[in-house]
């Protein structure tokens, strides 16, 4: 992560430094061109003024012949030569050969003046000097415009390059961020899957996490937790089998002894003794039922760790479950209404059968004589929704949160006495959770119980 962040900072920082460098370069270039243009303008302007003075002094000397006027001409010539020297010393010689031509013209003017040549020769020299001055001014302005245009062209070219550089830096930083995100999200997804497997008691697959060292360390701790949970689960199963066996053995002897007493093998019983024997027999049977429920819950827990999906016809499965409960239905004179699509889908048929059977058994037990139990199944996109609705006393609001816990029975009794152990709904919830679904009690406290199950559903091809 640090390397990726440093690389992103280097890319964006490099683009920023490049932008700053170009800005400084163009600022310096602009200042240099401005200073050079100012020198050219000032020198050409001074040269034009000195040339005017030279022309005036030359014409006065030709008329007056005064040596003072000639001295003034020489002084102006000295200043003019300084200005032309300044132009000639410019870097890159922007005015080409114009300063040299100006010197030649002014030398000819000075020679003609000192020799007092004809006025025509003097006029020609002055005209030539004025022409050269105009050419110097035009050449200077043209050079300034060319430099300005070249600077703008270079600025535009570098602006495009800089834009490309910035876009490339941002795109590369984005790709690096995506790579870092993938590098970090992959082990996090692996950790999430491992936690889901641990929550579903699927402890056979080892936890292997890649990526950064700290996430790999978390993966090692999760694998240690997986091994530890496996050991605890094995100990729990072993303890449960041992305790169940240890309870069943004396319980069997107790039931046999009670049976001998009830059959009066050891001698006739009084009415009070027979009542005690009946109480012992009822409690022994109840205890045996609880032990068998505990074993059944443990067996279901062991068998729910893997889901075996195969094509299932919901309508046919509901019909088979109802048929298996036909004797119970007839005894309670309950009517079962089934509504399910016949479209097959991929599901764990064995677990789904146990879920429906437990819900239907509870619904029949709590339904009044002549009541109606509805089993509704429907496909809602990638989900299967299964509802079981009865007309019994329903579930009290205070039982809504604990009704799915093992060995918990609701506060509202069934219409007829029943020998339930309170593990049916806990088995249903465990199976539904393993299959990747959920179960909920709809509107607790109302008349009748309404359980709704949602499971993943894949249409069979």
Protein backbone atom coordinates (compact mmCIF):
# COMPACT_ATOMS: atom_id res chain seq x y z
CA UNK A 1 0.00 0.00 0.00
CA UNK A 2 2.81 2.40 0.87
CA UNK A 3 4.58 1.65 -2.41
CA UNK A 4 1.37 2.21 -4.36
CA UNK A 5 0.66 5.48 -2.58
CA UNK A 6 4.23 6.67 -3.13
CA UNK A 7 3.95 5.80 -6.82
CA UNK A 8 0.68 7.74 -7.12
CA UNK A 9 2.27 10.70 -5.30
CA UNK A 10 5.31 10.47 -7.60
CA UNK A 11 3.12 10.48 -10.72
CA UNK A 12 0.94 13.39 -9.65
CA UNK A 13 3.89 15.19 -8.09
CA UNK A 14 5.90 14.76 -11.29
CA UNK A 15 3.06 16.26 -13.31
CA UNK A 16 2.88 19.17 -10.86
CA UNK A 17 6.65 19.74 -10.96
CA UNK A 18 6.59 19.61 -14.75
CA UNK A 19 3.78 22.18 -14.78
CA UNK A 20 5.73 24.42 -12.39
CA UNK A 21 8.90 24.08 -14.48
CA UNK A 22 7.08 24.99 -17.71
CA UNK A 23 5.41 27.93 -16.00
CA UNK A 24 8.75 29.21 -14.71
CA UNK A 25 10.36 28.63 -18.11
CA UNK A 26 7.72 30.60 -19.97
CA UNK A 27 7.73 33.34 -17.36
CA UNK A 28 11.52 33.70 -17.73
CA UNK A 29 11.27 33.53 -21.51
CA UNK A 30 8.53 36.14 -21.49
CA UNK A 31 10.59 38.43 -19.25
CA UNK A 32 13.66 37.99 -21.47
CA UNK A 33 11.70 38.67 -24.65
CA UNK A 34 10.06 41.68 -23.01
CA UNK A 35 13.40 43.10 -21.93
CA UNK A 36 14.87 42.49 -25.40
CA UNK A 37 11.87 44.08 -27.10
CA UNK A 38 12.20 47.08 -24.78
CA UNK A 39 15.90 47.45 -25.68
CA UNK A 40 15.13 47.26 -29.40
CA UNK A 41 12.29 49.78 -29.14
CA UNK A 42 14.31 52.19 -27.00
CA UNK A 43 17.41 51.91 -29.21
CA UNK A 44 15.52 52.33 -32.50
CA UNK A 45 13.65 55.33 -31.07
CA UNK A 46 16.88 56.91 -29.83
CA UNK A 47 18.51 56.19 -33.18
CA UNK A 48 15.64 57.89 -35.00
CA UNK A 49 15.98 60.97 -32.76
CA UNK A 50 19.77 61.09 -33.20
CA UNK A 51 19.37 60.72 -36.96
CA UNK A 52 17.03 63.72 -37.02
CA UNK A 53 19.59 65.78 -35.08
CA UNK A 54 22.36 64.61 -37.41
CA UNK A 55 20.35 65.69 -40.45
CA UNK A 56 19.62 69.11 -38.91
CA UNK A 57 23.27 69.67 -37.94
CA UNK A 58 24.48 68.54 -41.37
CA UNK A 59 22.17 70.88 -43.24
CA UNK A 60 23.07 73.82 -40.94
CA UNK A 61 26.76 73.19 -41.46
CA UNK A 62 26.37 73.10 -45.21
CA UNK A 63 24.65 76.48 -45.07
CA UNK A 64 26.62 78.22 -42.32
CA UNK A 65 29.95 76.43 -42.41
CA UNK A 66 30.19 76.97 -38.63
CA UNK A 67 32.74 74.63 -36.91
CA UNK A 68 30.52 74.61 -33.78
CA UNK A 69 27.74 73.07 -35.79
CA UNK A 70 30.13 70.42 -37.04
CA UNK A 71 31.19 69.70 -33.44
CA UNK A 72 27.54 69.30 -32.49
CA UNK A 73 27.17 66.91 -35.45
CA UNK A 74 30.10 64.83 -34.20
CA UNK A 75 28.60 64.71 -30.67
CA UNK A 76 25.24 63.52 -32.01
CA UNK A 77 27.07 60.98 -34.16
CA UNK A 78 28.84 59.61 -31.08
CA UNK A 79 25.49 59.10 -29.31
CA UNK A 80 23.97 57.55 -32.42
CA UNK A 81 26.88 55.12 -32.71
CA UNK A 82 26.27 54.12 -29.08
CA UNK A 83 22.63 53.36 -29.89
CA UNK A 84 23.55 51.37 -33.01
CA UNK A 85 26.18 49.51 -30.94
CA UNK A 86 23.48 48.61 -28.45
CA UNK A 87 21.37 47.18 -31.31
CA UNK A 88 24.33 45.35 -32.78
CA UNK A 89 25.11 43.70 -29.41
CA UNK A 90 21.67 42.10 -29.09
CA UNK A 91 21.85 38.26 -28.72
CA UNK A 92 21.00 36.35 -31.85
CA UNK A 93 21.42 39.46 -34.06
CA UNK A 94 17.65 40.05 -34.48
CA UNK A 95 18.28 43.03 -36.83
CA UNK A 96 20.58 41.09 -39.19
CA UNK A 97 22.92 43.38 -41.16
CA UNK A 98 20.93 46.61 -40.65
CA UNK A 99 23.29 48.08 -37.97
CA UNK A 100 26.30 47.53 -40.29
CA UNK A 101 24.53 49.26 -43.16
CA UNK A 102 23.66 52.16 -40.84
CA UNK A 103 27.32 52.59 -39.87
CA UNK A 104 28.38 52.64 -43.49
CA UNK A 105 25.72 55.21 -44.33
CA UNK A 106 26.65 57.48 -41.41
CA UNK A 107 30.40 57.15 -42.30
CA UNK A 108 29.63 58.29 -45.82
CA UNK A 109 27.57 61.19 -44.40
CA UNK A 110 30.41 62.25 -42.12
CA UNK A 111 32.97 62.01 -44.91
CA UNK A 112 30.79 64.04 -47.28
CA UNK A 113 30.20 66.65 -44.61
CA UNK A 114 33.87 67.07 -43.67
CA UNK A 115 34.89 67.35 -47.32
CA UNK A 116 31.99 69.72 -48.05
CA UNK A 117 30.81 67.69 -51.03
CA UNK A 118 27.98 68.77 -53.17
CA UNK A 119 24.58 69.21 -51.60
CA UNK A 120 23.19 66.40 -53.79
CA UNK A 121 25.64 63.88 -52.31
CA UNK A 122 24.67 65.03 -48.83
CA UNK A 123 20.97 64.68 -49.59
CA UNK A 124 21.51 61.18 -50.96
CA UNK A 125 23.40 60.17 -47.83
CA UNK A 126 20.68 61.56 -45.58
CA UNK A 127 17.96 59.80 -47.60
CA UNK A 128 19.83 56.50 -47.37
CA UNK A 129 20.25 56.95 -43.60
CA UNK A 130 16.51 57.61 -43.17
CA UNK A 131 15.70 54.51 -45.24
CA UNK A 132 17.98 52.38 -43.08
CA UNK A 133 16.36 53.82 -39.92
CA UNK A 134 12.90 52.90 -41.24
CA UNK A 135 14.18 49.40 -42.09
CA UNK A 136 15.65 49.05 -38.58
CA UNK A 137 12.35 50.04 -37.00
CA UNK A 138 10.37 47.65 -39.22
CA UNK A 139 12.87 44.82 -38.66
CA UNK A 140 12.70 45.36 -34.88
CA UNK A 141 8.92 45.30 -34.81
CA UNK A 142 8.86 42.21 -37.03
CA UNK A 143 11.36 40.44 -34.79
CA UNK A 144 9.27 41.28 -31.69
CA UNK A 145 6.15 39.92 -33.35
CA UNK A 146 7.98 36.78 -34.46
CA UNK A 147 9.32 36.18 -30.96
CA UNK A 148 5.86 36.70 -29.49
CA UNK A 149 4.32 34.28 -32.00
CA UNK A 150 7.07 31.69 -31.40
CA UNK A 151 6.55 31.95 -27.64
CA UNK A 152 2.79 31.48 -28.04
CA UNK A 153 3.36 28.50 -30.36
CA UNK A 154 5.75 26.88 -27.90
CA UNK A 155 3.29 27.60 -25.10
CA UNK A 156 0.47 25.90 -27.02
CA UNK A 157 2.65 22.91 -27.89
CA UNK A 158 3.78 22.46 -24.31
CA UNK A 159 0.23 23.00 -23.08
CA UNK A 160 -0.89 20.00 -25.16
CA UNK A 161 2.07 17.95 -23.93
CA UNK A 162 1.37 18.95 -20.35
CA UNK A 163 -2.33 18.08 -20.75
CA UNK A 164 -1.35 14.67 -22.11
CA UNK A 165 1.09 14.21 -19.23
CA UNK A 166 -1.52 15.15 -16.61
CA UNK A 167 -4.15 12.87 -18.17
CA UNK A 168 -1.64 10.01 -18.36
CA UNK A 169 -0.59 10.59 -14.74
CA UNK A 170 -4.20 10.64 -13.53
CA UNK A 171 -5.07 7.53 -15.58
CA UNK A 172 -2.00 5.69 -14.31
CA UNK A 173 -2.78 6.73 -10.73
CA UNK A 174 -6.36 5.50 -11.21
CA UNK A 175 -5.10 2.15 -12.54
CA UNK A 176 -2.71 1.85 -9.60
CA UNK A 177 -5.58 2.63 -7.22
CA UNK A 178 -7.70 -0.05 -8.91
CA UNK A 179 -4.83 -2.53 -8.62
CA UNK A 180 -4.41 -1.68 -4.94
CA UNK A 181 -8.15 -2.00 -4.39
CA UNK A 182 -8.16 -5.40 -6.09
CA UNK A 183 -5.09 -6.47 -4.17
CA UNK A 184 -6.78 -5.51 -0.89
CA UNK A 185 -10.37 -6.57 -1.71
CA UNK A 186 -9.38 -10.09 -2.78
CA UNK A 187 -8.08 -11.16 0.65
CA UNK A 188 -10.94 -9.28 2.33
CA UNK A 189 -13.43 -11.25 0.21
CA UNK A 190 -11.58 -14.42 1.17
CA UNK A 191 -11.84 -13.46 4.85
CA UNK A 192 -15.56 -12.73 4.44
CA UNK A 193 -16.15 -16.12 2.78
CA UNK A 194 -14.16 -17.83 5.54
CA UNK A 195 -16.27 -16.12 8.22
CA UNK A 196 -19.46 -17.23 6.42
CA UNK A 197 -18.17 -20.81 6.32
CA UNK A 198 -17.36 -20.67 10.01
CA UNK A 199 -20.81 -19.27 10.76
CA UNK A 200 -22.40 -22.13 8.79
CA UNK A 201 -20.21 -24.70 10.61
CA UNK A 202 -18.43 -25.70 7.41
CA UNK A 203 -15.09 -26.36 9.04
CA UNK A 204 -13.48 -28.70 6.52
CA UNK A 205 -11.96 -26.10 4.17
CA UNK A 206 -8.75 -24.41 5.42
CA UNK A 207 -8.57 -20.62 5.47
CA UNK A 208 -5.88 -19.32 3.10
CA UNK A 209 -5.59 -15.53 2.80
CA UNK A 210 -3.10 -13.70 0.58
CA UNK A 211 -2.31 -10.02 0.24
CA UNK A 212 -0.65 -7.82 2.88
CA UNK A 213 1.04 -9.33 5.89
CA UNK A 214 -1.57 -8.09 8.39
CA UNK A 215 -4.41 -9.65 6.37
CA UNK A 216 -2.44 -12.89 6.06
CA UNK A 217 -2.08 -12.86 9.84
CA UNK A 218 -5.86 -12.46 10.19
CA UNK A 219 -6.24 -15.44 7.84
CA UNK A 220 -3.96 -17.52 10.07
CA UNK A 221 -6.01 -16.59 13.14
CA UNK A 222 -9.22 -17.50 11.32
CA UNK A 223 -7.75 -20.87 10.38
CA UNK A 224 -6.78 -21.38 14.01
CA UNK A 225 -10.35 -20.51 14.96
CA UNK A 226 -11.63 -23.00 12.36
CA UNK A 227 -9.49 -25.77 13.84
CA UNK A 228 -10.53 -24.81 17.36
CA UNK A 229 -14.22 -24.76 16.45
CA UNK A 230 -13.82 -28.17 14.85
CA UNK A 231 -12.28 -29.50 18.04
CA UNK A 232 -15.05 -27.98 20.16
CA UNK A 233 -17.71 -29.36 17.82
CA UNK A 234 -16.17 -32.81 18.02
CA UNK A 235 -16.06 -32.57 21.81
CA UNK A 236 -19.68 -31.41 21.91
CA UNK A 237 -20.84 -34.30 19.75
CA UNK A 238 -18.82 -36.75 21.76
CA UNK A 239 -20.20 -35.38 25.03
CA UNK A 240 -23.75 -35.39 23.67
CA UNK A 241 -23.49 -39.01 22.52
CA UNK A 242 -21.96 -40.03 25.82
CA UNK A 243 -24.53 -38.21 27.93
CA UNK A 244 -27.39 -39.53 25.80
CA UNK A 245 -26.12 -43.06 26.12
CA UNK A 246 -25.59 -42.70 29.84
CA UNK A 247 -29.14 -41.37 30.22
CA UNK A 248 -30.82 -43.95 28.02
CA UNK A 249 -29.31 -46.93 29.82
CA UNK A 250 -30.73 -46.22 33.33
CA UNK A 251 -33.90 -44.81 31.75
CA UNK A 252 -34.52 -48.12 29.98
CA UNK A 253 -34.06 -49.96 33.27
CA UNK A 254 -36.40 -47.48 34.98
CA UNK A 255 -39.12 -47.98 32.35
CA UNK A 256 -38.78 -51.77 32.61
CA UNK A 257 -39.09 -51.56 36.40
CA UNK A 258 -42.16 -49.33 36.14
CA UNK A 259 -43.68 -51.77 33.65
CA UNK A 260 -43.11 -54.66 36.09
CA UNK A 261 -44.82 -52.66 38.82
CA UNK A 262 -47.76 -51.82 36.58
CA UNK A 263 -48.13 -55.47 35.60
CA UNK A 264 -48.06 -56.34 39.33
CA UNK A 265 -45.31 -58.92 38.83
CA UNK A 266 -43.94 -58.13 42.28
CA UNK A 267 -47.40 -58.26 43.84
CA UNK A 268 -50.72 -56.40 43.75
CA UNK A 269 -50.70 -52.59 44.01
CA UNK A 270 -52.98 -50.35 45.90
CA UNK A 271 -54.71 -47.49 44.13
CA UNK A 272 -52.21 -44.99 45.48
CA UNK A 273 -49.26 -47.17 44.42
CA UNK A 274 -50.72 -47.59 40.91
CA UNK A 275 -51.10 -43.81 40.62
CA UNK A 276 -47.43 -43.36 41.58
CA UNK A 277 -46.43 -46.00 39.01
CA UNK A 278 -48.42 -44.21 36.30
CA UNK A 279 -46.75 -40.91 37.20
CA UNK A 280 -43.34 -42.57 36.98
CA UNK A 281 -44.21 -44.10 33.62
CA UNK A 282 -45.45 -40.76 32.17
CA UNK A 283 -42.33 -38.91 33.31
CA UNK A 284 -40.03 -41.69 32.06
CA UNK A 285 -41.70 -41.50 28.63
CA UNK A 286 -41.40 -37.71 28.62
CA UNK A 287 -37.73 -37.93 29.54
CA UNK A 288 -37.15 -40.47 26.79
CA UNK A 289 -38.85 -38.15 24.29
CA UNK A 290 -36.57 -35.26 25.28
CA UNK A 291 -33.49 -37.45 24.90
CA UNK A 292 -34.62 -38.60 21.46
CA UNK A 293 -35.30 -34.99 20.44
CA UNK A 294 -31.83 -34.02 21.59
CA UNK A 295 -30.31 -36.83 19.53
CA UNK A 296 -32.42 -35.87 16.53
CA UNK A 297 -31.34 -32.24 16.79
CA UNK A 298 -27.71 -33.31 16.96
CA UNK A 299 -28.16 -35.58 13.95
CA UNK A 300 -29.72 -32.77 11.97
CA UNK A 301 -26.88 -30.44 12.97
CA UNK A 302 -24.34 -32.96 11.70
CA UNK A 303 -26.19 -33.46 8.45
CA UNK A 304 -26.71 -29.80 7.54
CA UNK A 305 -23.16 -28.80 6.84
CA UNK A 306 -23.39 -29.47 3.12
CA UNK A 307 -26.12 -28.58 0.66
CA UNK A 308 -26.82 -31.02 -2.16
CA UNK A 309 -28.90 -29.29 -4.81
CA UNK A 310 -30.75 -31.30 -7.40
CA UNK A 311 -33.92 -30.80 -9.49
CA UNK A 312 -37.02 -30.57 -7.28
CA UNK A 313 -40.72 -30.31 -8.23
CA UNK A 314 -42.27 -28.17 -5.49
CA UNK A 315 -45.85 -29.22 -6.17
CA UNK A 316 -44.98 -32.89 -6.01
CA UNK A 317 -42.82 -32.43 -2.89
CA UNK A 318 -45.61 -30.64 -1.00
CA UNK A 319 -48.04 -33.41 -1.99
CA UNK A 320 -45.70 -36.10 -0.68
CA UNK A 321 -45.20 -34.33 2.65
CA UNK A 322 -48.96 -33.89 3.10
CA UNK A 323 -49.52 -37.56 2.22
CA UNK A 324 -47.06 -38.64 4.92
CA UNK A 325 -49.11 -36.65 7.48
CA UNK A 326 -52.44 -38.07 6.34
CA UNK A 327 -53.15 -39.96 9.60
CA UNK A 328 -52.48 -36.85 11.70
CA UNK A 329 -54.66 -34.80 9.33
CA UNK A 330 -57.55 -37.23 9.61
CA UNK A 331 -57.23 -37.45 13.39
CA UNK A 332 -57.53 -33.66 13.72
CA UNK A 333 -60.00 -33.30 10.80
CA UNK A 334 -57.83 -30.54 9.33
CA UNK A 335 -57.96 -29.45 5.71
CA UNK A 336 -54.64 -28.85 3.92
CA UNK A 337 -54.52 -26.42 1.01
CA UNK A 338 -51.41 -26.56 -1.17
CA UNK A 339 -50.46 -24.01 -3.79
CA UNK A 340 -47.13 -24.41 -5.58
CA UNK A 341 -45.76 -24.10 -9.14
CA UNK A 342 -44.86 -27.28 -10.97
CA UNK A 343 -41.74 -25.70 -12.49
CA UNK A 344 -38.69 -27.67 -11.30
CA UNK A 345 -35.72 -25.95 -9.73
CA UNK A 346 -32.41 -26.80 -8.08
CA UNK A 347 -32.75 -27.27 -4.32
CA UNK A 348 -31.75 -29.65 -1.51
CA UNK A 349 -34.85 -31.85 -1.53
CA UNK A 350 -34.06 -33.72 1.71
CA UNK A 351 -33.60 -30.57 3.77
CA UNK A 352 -36.60 -28.89 2.14
CA UNK A 353 -38.73 -31.94 2.97
CA UNK A 354 -37.70 -31.78 6.65
CA UNK A 355 -38.47 -28.03 6.74
CA UNK A 356 -41.95 -28.42 5.28
CA UNK A 357 -42.72 -31.47 7.42
CA UNK A 358 -41.82 -29.72 10.68
CA UNK A 359 -43.85 -26.61 9.79
CA UNK A 360 -46.83 -28.73 8.72
CA UNK A 361 -46.67 -30.88 11.86
CA UNK A 362 -46.74 -27.83 14.12
CA UNK A 363 -49.54 -26.24 12.09
CA UNK A 364 -51.70 -29.39 12.37
CA UNK A 365 -51.08 -29.69 16.12
CA UNK A 366 -52.09 -26.09 16.78
CA UNK A 367 -55.04 -25.98 14.37
CA UNK A 368 -58.59 -26.30 15.76
CA UNK A 369 -60.74 -29.22 14.69
CA UNK A 370 -61.90 -28.63 11.13
CA UNK A 371 -59.35 -25.83 10.63
CA UNK A 372 -57.47 -25.04 7.44
CA UNK A 373 -53.70 -25.10 6.96
CA UNK A 374 -52.27 -23.37 3.91
CA UNK A 375 -48.95 -24.23 2.30
CA UNK A 376 -48.10 -21.64 -0.35
CA UNK A 377 -44.94 -21.73 -2.47
CA UNK A 378 -44.09 -19.19 -5.17
CA UNK A 379 -41.07 -18.24 -7.22
CA UNK A 380 -40.00 -14.60 -6.95
CA UNK A 381 -37.06 -14.17 -9.33
CA UNK A 382 -34.03 -15.94 -7.84
CA UNK A 383 -35.84 -16.62 -4.54
CA UNK A 384 -38.30 -19.26 -3.37
CA UNK A 385 -40.90 -18.02 -0.89
CA UNK A 386 -42.68 -20.67 1.17
CA UNK A 387 -45.49 -19.81 3.62
CA UNK A 388 -47.21 -21.97 6.22
CA UNK A 389 -50.39 -20.46 7.70
CA UNK A 390 -52.74 -22.04 10.26
CA UNK A 391 -55.84 -20.95 12.19
CA UNK A 392 -54.58 -21.82 15.65
CA UNK A 393 -53.96 -19.53 18.63
CA UNK A 394 -50.85 -18.05 16.98
CA UNK A 395 -47.59 -17.07 18.63
CA UNK A 396 -47.50 -14.56 21.46
CA UNK A 397 -45.50 -11.40 20.79
CA UNK A 398 -43.17 -12.17 23.69
CA UNK A 399 -42.35 -15.56 22.09
CA UNK A 400 -41.47 -14.13 18.66
CA UNK A 401 -37.73 -13.86 19.34
CA UNK A 402 -37.23 -17.14 21.21
CA UNK A 403 -39.62 -19.48 19.40
CA UNK A 404 -36.80 -20.70 17.12
CA UNK A 405 -34.51 -21.64 20.02
CA UNK A 406 -34.11 -25.34 20.92
CA UNK A 407 -36.52 -26.80 23.53
CA UNK A 408 -38.60 -23.59 23.68
CA UNK A 409 -42.38 -23.92 23.52
CA UNK A 410 -44.74 -20.99 23.19
CA UNK A 411 -46.95 -19.63 25.95
CA UNK A 412 -50.14 -20.33 24.00
CA UNK A 413 -51.11 -24.00 24.28
CA UNK A 414 -52.38 -26.22 21.47
CA UNK A 415 -56.11 -27.04 21.30
CA UNK A 416 -55.32 -30.63 22.31
CA UNK A 417 -52.52 -31.96 24.52
CA UNK A 418 -49.30 -32.70 22.61
CA UNK A 419 -45.95 -34.20 23.55
CA UNK A 420 -43.73 -31.70 21.72
CA UNK A 421 -40.10 -31.14 22.70
CA UNK A 422 -39.67 -27.69 21.14
CA UNK A 423 -36.91 -28.57 18.67
CA UNK A 424 -38.94 -28.55 15.43
CA UNK A 425 -38.63 -24.84 14.67
CA UNK A 426 -34.98 -24.76 15.73
CA UNK A 427 -34.29 -27.54 13.21
CA UNK A 428 -36.18 -25.57 10.57
CA UNK A 429 -34.16 -22.42 11.24
CA UNK A 430 -30.84 -24.29 11.16
CA UNK A 431 -31.67 -25.97 7.85
CA UNK A 432 -32.89 -22.71 6.31
CA UNK A 433 -29.72 -20.89 7.43
CA UNK A 434 -27.46 -23.56 5.98
CA UNK A 435 -29.34 -23.37 2.67
CA UNK A 436 -28.65 -19.64 2.51
CA UNK A 437 -32.15 -18.42 3.36
CA UNK A 438 -34.11 -16.96 6.22
CA UNK A 439 -37.29 -17.67 8.17
CA UNK A 440 -39.51 -15.17 9.95
CA UNK A 441 -42.71 -15.12 11.93
CA UNK A 442 -45.17 -12.78 10.22
CA UNK A 443 -47.33 -10.53 12.45
CA UNK A 444 -46.82 -12.26 15.80
CA UNK A 445 -49.66 -11.95 18.28
CA UNK A 446 -52.45 -12.23 15.72
CA UNK A 447 -54.80 -15.16 15.35
CA UNK A 448 -53.05 -18.05 13.65
CA UNK A 449 -49.35 -18.57 13.04
CA UNK A 450 -47.81 -17.43 9.77
CA UNK A 451 -44.26 -18.57 9.03
CA UNK A 452 -42.54 -17.42 5.83
CA UNK A 453 -39.32 -18.89 4.46
CA UNK A 454 -37.12 -17.38 1.75
CA UNK A 455 -34.56 -19.58 0.00
CA UNK A 456 -32.31 -19.13 -3.05
CA UNK A 457 -33.84 -20.72 -6.15
CA UNK A 458 -32.26 -21.68 -9.46
CA UNK A 459 -34.52 -22.92 -12.28
CA UNK A 460 -33.59 -26.41 -13.45
CA UNK A 461 -32.35 -26.47 -17.03
